[in-house]
N, C-alpha and C. Protein backbone atom coordinates (compact mmCIF):
# COMPACT_ATOMS: atom_id res chain seq x y z
N UNK A 1 18.58 45.00 192.42
CA UNK A 1 17.97 45.09 191.21
C UNK A 1 16.51 44.53 191.39
N UNK A 2 15.58 45.12 190.81
CA UNK A 2 14.15 44.64 190.96
C UNK A 2 14.02 43.42 190.00
N UNK A 3 13.09 42.58 190.23
CA UNK A 3 12.85 41.42 189.37
C UNK A 3 11.58 41.75 188.57
N UNK A 4 11.62 41.22 187.39
CA UNK A 4 10.48 41.34 186.53
C UNK A 4 9.92 40.05 186.17
N UNK A 5 8.71 40.06 185.60
CA UNK A 5 8.09 38.74 185.06
C UNK A 5 8.86 38.29 183.95
N UNK A 6 9.31 37.01 183.95
CA UNK A 6 10.22 36.56 182.90
C UNK A 6 9.45 36.59 181.57
N UNK A 7 10.33 36.79 180.49
CA UNK A 7 9.86 36.81 179.12
C UNK A 7 9.45 35.37 178.68
N UNK A 8 8.70 35.19 177.63
CA UNK A 8 8.31 36.16 176.67
C UNK A 8 7.02 36.88 177.15
N UNK A 9 6.90 38.17 176.75
CA UNK A 9 5.55 38.86 177.04
C UNK A 9 4.95 38.96 175.58
N UNK A 10 3.70 38.79 175.53
CA UNK A 10 2.95 38.81 174.29
C UNK A 10 1.81 39.77 174.46
N UNK A 11 1.38 40.32 173.36
CA UNK A 11 0.26 41.33 173.23
C UNK A 11 -0.89 40.47 172.81
N UNK A 12 -2.02 40.71 173.48
CA UNK A 12 -3.30 40.08 173.07
C UNK A 12 -4.31 41.21 173.01
N UNK A 13 -4.96 41.37 171.78
CA UNK A 13 -6.01 42.36 171.64
C UNK A 13 -7.32 41.67 171.92
N UNK A 14 -8.17 42.46 172.45
CA UNK A 14 -9.59 41.88 172.80
C UNK A 14 -10.44 43.12 173.03
N UNK A 15 -11.85 42.75 173.07
CA UNK A 15 -12.84 43.84 173.43
C UNK A 15 -13.11 43.68 174.82
N UNK A 16 -13.16 44.97 175.51
CA UNK A 16 -13.38 45.01 176.89
C UNK A 16 -14.97 45.14 177.11
N UNK A 17 -15.40 45.12 178.38
CA UNK A 17 -16.83 45.06 178.67
C UNK A 17 -17.55 46.21 178.14
N UNK A 18 -17.02 47.36 177.95
CA UNK A 18 -17.80 48.53 177.49
C UNK A 18 -17.75 48.59 175.97
N UNK A 19 -17.22 47.66 175.34
CA UNK A 19 -17.21 47.61 173.84
C UNK A 19 -16.03 48.11 173.09
N UNK A 20 -15.03 48.75 173.86
CA UNK A 20 -13.84 49.29 173.26
C UNK A 20 -12.76 48.26 173.14
N UNK A 21 -11.71 48.60 172.53
CA UNK A 21 -10.52 47.65 172.40
C UNK A 21 -9.59 47.73 173.54
N UNK A 22 -9.07 46.61 173.96
CA UNK A 22 -8.15 46.52 175.05
C UNK A 22 -6.87 45.73 174.47
N UNK A 23 -5.66 46.09 174.97
CA UNK A 23 -4.56 45.32 174.69
C UNK A 23 -4.00 44.82 176.05
N UNK A 24 -3.91 43.46 176.08
CA UNK A 24 -3.29 42.91 177.30
C UNK A 24 -1.89 42.34 177.03
N UNK A 25 -1.03 42.66 177.95
CA UNK A 25 0.35 42.17 177.81
C UNK A 25 0.35 41.00 178.85
N UNK A 26 0.66 39.80 178.24
CA UNK A 26 0.63 38.53 178.96
C UNK A 26 1.98 37.90 179.02
N UNK A 27 2.29 37.21 180.13
CA UNK A 27 3.48 36.41 180.27
C UNK A 27 2.89 35.02 180.65
N UNK A 28 2.68 34.21 179.68
CA UNK A 28 1.97 32.94 179.90
C UNK A 28 0.52 33.32 180.22
N UNK A 29 0.02 32.90 181.41
CA UNK A 29 -1.35 33.14 181.83
C UNK A 29 -1.37 34.43 182.64
N UNK A 30 -0.26 34.93 183.05
CA UNK A 30 -0.24 36.08 183.97
C UNK A 30 -0.37 37.43 183.10
N UNK A 31 -1.19 38.26 183.57
CA UNK A 31 -1.33 39.57 182.88
C UNK A 31 -0.31 40.61 183.53
N UNK A 32 0.52 41.10 182.65
CA UNK A 32 1.59 42.11 183.05
C UNK A 32 0.97 43.47 183.07
N UNK A 33 0.15 43.83 181.99
CA UNK A 33 -0.48 45.11 181.92
C UNK A 33 -1.64 45.08 181.00
N UNK A 34 -2.55 45.96 181.12
CA UNK A 34 -3.68 46.15 180.19
C UNK A 34 -3.71 47.64 179.84
N UNK A 35 -4.03 47.84 178.55
CA UNK A 35 -4.09 49.26 178.07
C UNK A 35 -5.43 49.44 177.28
N UNK A 36 -5.87 50.64 177.43
CA UNK A 36 -7.12 50.98 176.72
C UNK A 36 -6.83 52.31 176.01
N UNK A 37 -7.23 52.41 174.76
CA UNK A 37 -7.03 53.71 174.16
C UNK A 37 -6.70 53.53 172.66
N UNK A 38 -6.41 54.67 172.05
CA UNK A 38 -6.18 54.71 170.56
C UNK A 38 -4.95 54.06 170.17
N UNK A 39 -3.82 54.14 170.76
CA UNK A 39 -2.53 53.64 170.50
C UNK A 39 -2.23 52.39 171.35
N UNK A 40 -3.24 51.62 171.77
CA UNK A 40 -2.94 50.57 172.72
C UNK A 40 -2.04 49.53 172.14
N UNK A 41 -2.11 49.25 170.80
CA UNK A 41 -1.24 48.12 170.33
C UNK A 41 0.20 48.61 170.14
N UNK A 42 0.45 49.80 169.64
CA UNK A 42 1.78 50.24 169.55
C UNK A 42 2.48 50.40 170.99
N UNK A 43 1.69 50.97 171.96
CA UNK A 43 2.25 50.98 173.27
C UNK A 43 2.41 49.61 173.86
N UNK A 44 1.47 48.76 173.67
CA UNK A 44 1.54 47.40 174.27
C UNK A 44 2.75 46.62 173.67
N UNK A 45 3.02 46.81 172.39
CA UNK A 45 4.24 46.11 171.81
C UNK A 45 5.45 46.59 172.42
N UNK A 46 5.51 47.96 172.67
CA UNK A 46 6.76 48.46 173.27
C UNK A 46 6.96 47.95 174.73
N UNK A 47 5.81 47.90 175.47
CA UNK A 47 5.92 47.36 176.80
C UNK A 47 6.23 45.83 176.83
N UNK A 48 5.63 45.14 175.85
CA UNK A 48 5.94 43.72 175.69
C UNK A 48 7.43 43.40 175.35
N UNK A 49 8.06 44.39 174.70
CA UNK A 49 9.48 44.17 174.35
C UNK A 49 10.42 44.57 175.50
N UNK A 50 9.91 44.96 176.59
CA UNK A 50 10.75 45.36 177.78
C UNK A 50 11.76 44.28 178.27
N UNK A 51 11.43 43.05 178.42
CA UNK A 51 12.35 42.05 178.87
C UNK A 51 13.49 41.83 177.78
N UNK A 52 13.15 41.86 176.48
CA UNK A 52 14.22 41.73 175.48
C UNK A 52 15.18 42.95 175.50
N UNK A 53 14.57 44.12 175.70
CA UNK A 53 15.45 45.31 175.76
C UNK A 53 16.35 45.30 176.92
N UNK A 54 15.81 44.84 178.04
CA UNK A 54 16.57 44.69 179.30
C UNK A 54 17.75 43.75 178.98
N UNK A 55 17.45 42.56 178.39
CA UNK A 55 18.59 41.59 178.09
C UNK A 55 19.58 42.22 177.21
N UNK A 56 19.16 42.98 176.20
CA UNK A 56 20.14 43.63 175.32
C UNK A 56 20.96 44.56 176.05
N UNK A 57 20.42 45.39 176.86
CA UNK A 57 21.17 46.40 177.63
C UNK A 57 22.19 45.73 178.57
N UNK A 58 21.79 44.65 179.17
CA UNK A 58 22.78 43.89 180.03
C UNK A 58 23.95 43.34 179.19
N UNK A 59 23.62 42.95 178.03
CA UNK A 59 24.71 42.31 177.17
C UNK A 59 25.58 43.46 176.71
N UNK A 60 25.06 44.58 176.34
CA UNK A 60 25.89 45.76 175.93
C UNK A 60 26.76 46.20 177.03
N UNK A 61 26.20 46.23 178.33
CA UNK A 61 26.90 46.59 179.43
C UNK A 61 28.10 45.66 179.70
N UNK A 62 27.88 44.39 179.58
CA UNK A 62 28.88 43.45 179.75
C UNK A 62 29.93 43.64 178.73
N UNK A 63 29.61 43.74 177.53
CA UNK A 63 30.65 43.90 176.49
C UNK A 63 31.46 45.20 176.65
N UNK A 64 30.83 46.35 177.09
CA UNK A 64 31.51 47.51 177.40
C UNK A 64 32.42 47.40 178.52
N UNK A 65 32.04 46.60 179.55
CA UNK A 65 32.94 46.41 180.63
C UNK A 65 34.11 45.74 180.30
N UNK A 66 33.95 44.70 179.42
CA UNK A 66 35.14 43.92 178.95
C UNK A 66 36.03 44.82 178.08
N UNK A 67 35.39 45.64 177.26
CA UNK A 67 36.23 46.50 176.42
C UNK A 67 37.07 47.59 177.32
N UNK A 68 36.49 47.99 178.32
CA UNK A 68 37.17 48.92 179.25
C UNK A 68 38.28 48.30 179.89
N UNK A 69 38.25 47.04 180.07
CA UNK A 69 39.41 46.32 180.83
C UNK A 69 40.51 46.16 179.82
N UNK A 70 40.19 45.93 178.55
CA UNK A 70 41.29 45.72 177.60
C UNK A 70 41.85 47.07 176.92
N UNK A 71 41.01 48.06 176.84
CA UNK A 71 41.46 49.29 176.28
C UNK A 71 40.80 50.40 177.07
N UNK A 72 41.65 51.13 177.91
CA UNK A 72 41.03 52.16 178.77
C UNK A 72 40.60 53.50 178.03
N UNK A 73 40.83 53.58 176.75
CA UNK A 73 40.47 54.72 176.06
C UNK A 73 39.08 54.71 175.41
N UNK A 74 38.10 55.30 176.05
CA UNK A 74 36.69 55.12 175.55
C UNK A 74 36.50 55.59 174.15
N UNK A 75 37.28 56.50 173.56
CA UNK A 75 37.21 56.83 172.17
C UNK A 75 37.31 55.73 171.27
N UNK A 76 38.02 54.59 171.61
CA UNK A 76 38.18 53.46 170.74
C UNK A 76 37.00 52.51 170.82
N UNK A 77 36.07 52.78 171.66
CA UNK A 77 34.95 51.86 171.89
C UNK A 77 33.80 52.22 170.97
N UNK A 78 33.76 53.46 170.52
CA UNK A 78 32.49 53.90 169.78
C UNK A 78 32.14 53.07 168.58
N UNK A 79 33.00 52.92 167.73
CA UNK A 79 32.75 52.16 166.52
C UNK A 79 32.37 50.75 166.82
N UNK A 80 33.04 50.10 167.74
CA UNK A 80 32.80 48.66 168.10
C UNK A 80 31.38 48.58 168.78
N UNK A 81 31.16 49.61 169.69
CA UNK A 81 29.89 49.65 170.40
C UNK A 81 28.72 49.75 169.46
N UNK A 82 28.71 50.63 168.50
CA UNK A 82 27.69 50.88 167.58
C UNK A 82 27.47 49.63 166.75
N UNK A 83 28.54 49.07 166.29
CA UNK A 83 28.45 47.81 165.52
C UNK A 83 27.84 46.68 166.26
N UNK A 84 28.16 46.50 167.47
CA UNK A 84 27.63 45.41 168.35
C UNK A 84 26.09 45.66 168.59
N UNK A 85 25.74 46.93 168.86
CA UNK A 85 24.34 47.27 169.09
C UNK A 85 23.52 46.93 167.89
N UNK A 86 24.07 47.29 166.73
CA UNK A 86 23.29 46.94 165.46
C UNK A 86 23.23 45.40 165.27
N UNK A 87 24.30 44.69 165.57
CA UNK A 87 24.23 43.29 165.48
C UNK A 87 23.14 42.60 166.43
N UNK A 88 23.07 43.16 167.68
CA UNK A 88 22.18 42.69 168.65
C UNK A 88 20.73 43.02 168.28
N UNK A 89 20.49 44.29 167.67
CA UNK A 89 19.08 44.66 167.39
C UNK A 89 18.62 44.06 166.07
N UNK A 90 19.60 43.93 165.11
CA UNK A 90 19.15 43.44 163.80
C UNK A 90 20.02 42.28 163.36
N UNK A 91 19.97 41.15 164.05
CA UNK A 91 20.87 40.05 163.84
C UNK A 91 20.66 39.44 162.33
N UNK A 92 19.54 39.68 161.73
CA UNK A 92 19.41 39.29 160.37
C UNK A 92 20.09 40.06 159.39
N UNK A 93 20.60 41.24 159.77
CA UNK A 93 21.37 42.10 158.82
C UNK A 93 22.79 42.16 159.26
N UNK A 94 23.57 41.19 158.67
CA UNK A 94 25.05 41.16 159.11
C UNK A 94 25.95 42.12 158.35
N UNK A 95 25.42 42.72 157.25
CA UNK A 95 26.36 43.53 156.40
C UNK A 95 26.33 45.04 156.77
N UNK A 96 25.45 45.54 157.45
CA UNK A 96 25.45 47.00 157.70
C UNK A 96 24.33 47.34 158.70
N UNK A 97 23.97 48.58 158.73
CA UNK A 97 22.93 49.00 159.68
C UNK A 97 21.57 48.84 159.05
N UNK A 98 20.67 48.98 159.94
CA UNK A 98 19.26 48.68 159.61
C UNK A 98 18.70 49.54 158.42
N UNK A 99 19.21 50.71 158.25
CA UNK A 99 18.72 51.60 157.25
C UNK A 99 19.30 51.32 155.87
N UNK A 100 20.60 51.06 155.92
CA UNK A 100 21.27 50.94 154.58
C UNK A 100 21.48 49.53 154.13
N UNK A 101 21.58 48.56 155.10
CA UNK A 101 21.71 47.13 154.81
C UNK A 101 23.13 46.94 154.30
């Protein structure tokens, strides 16, 4: 598995030398990426979230592996898996999914 720069990654908006806007993705003082263009902030936020998304995917993988050991029927995992993904992505919403609350 390849290694990545540890989180947290943050987006910093600034003006570049030619006068346009630039979004820098930083991990501490290290620059992970720089983006120039119209959607630089939305794209930069997505890139900056990569370590958190990676951690969530590893946690989901671990939980599915454990579920597979206790119940070999994948059809029984769907409801549990969707519920856990919602809990991991939206921990502030314990009652339901992110759309309905």
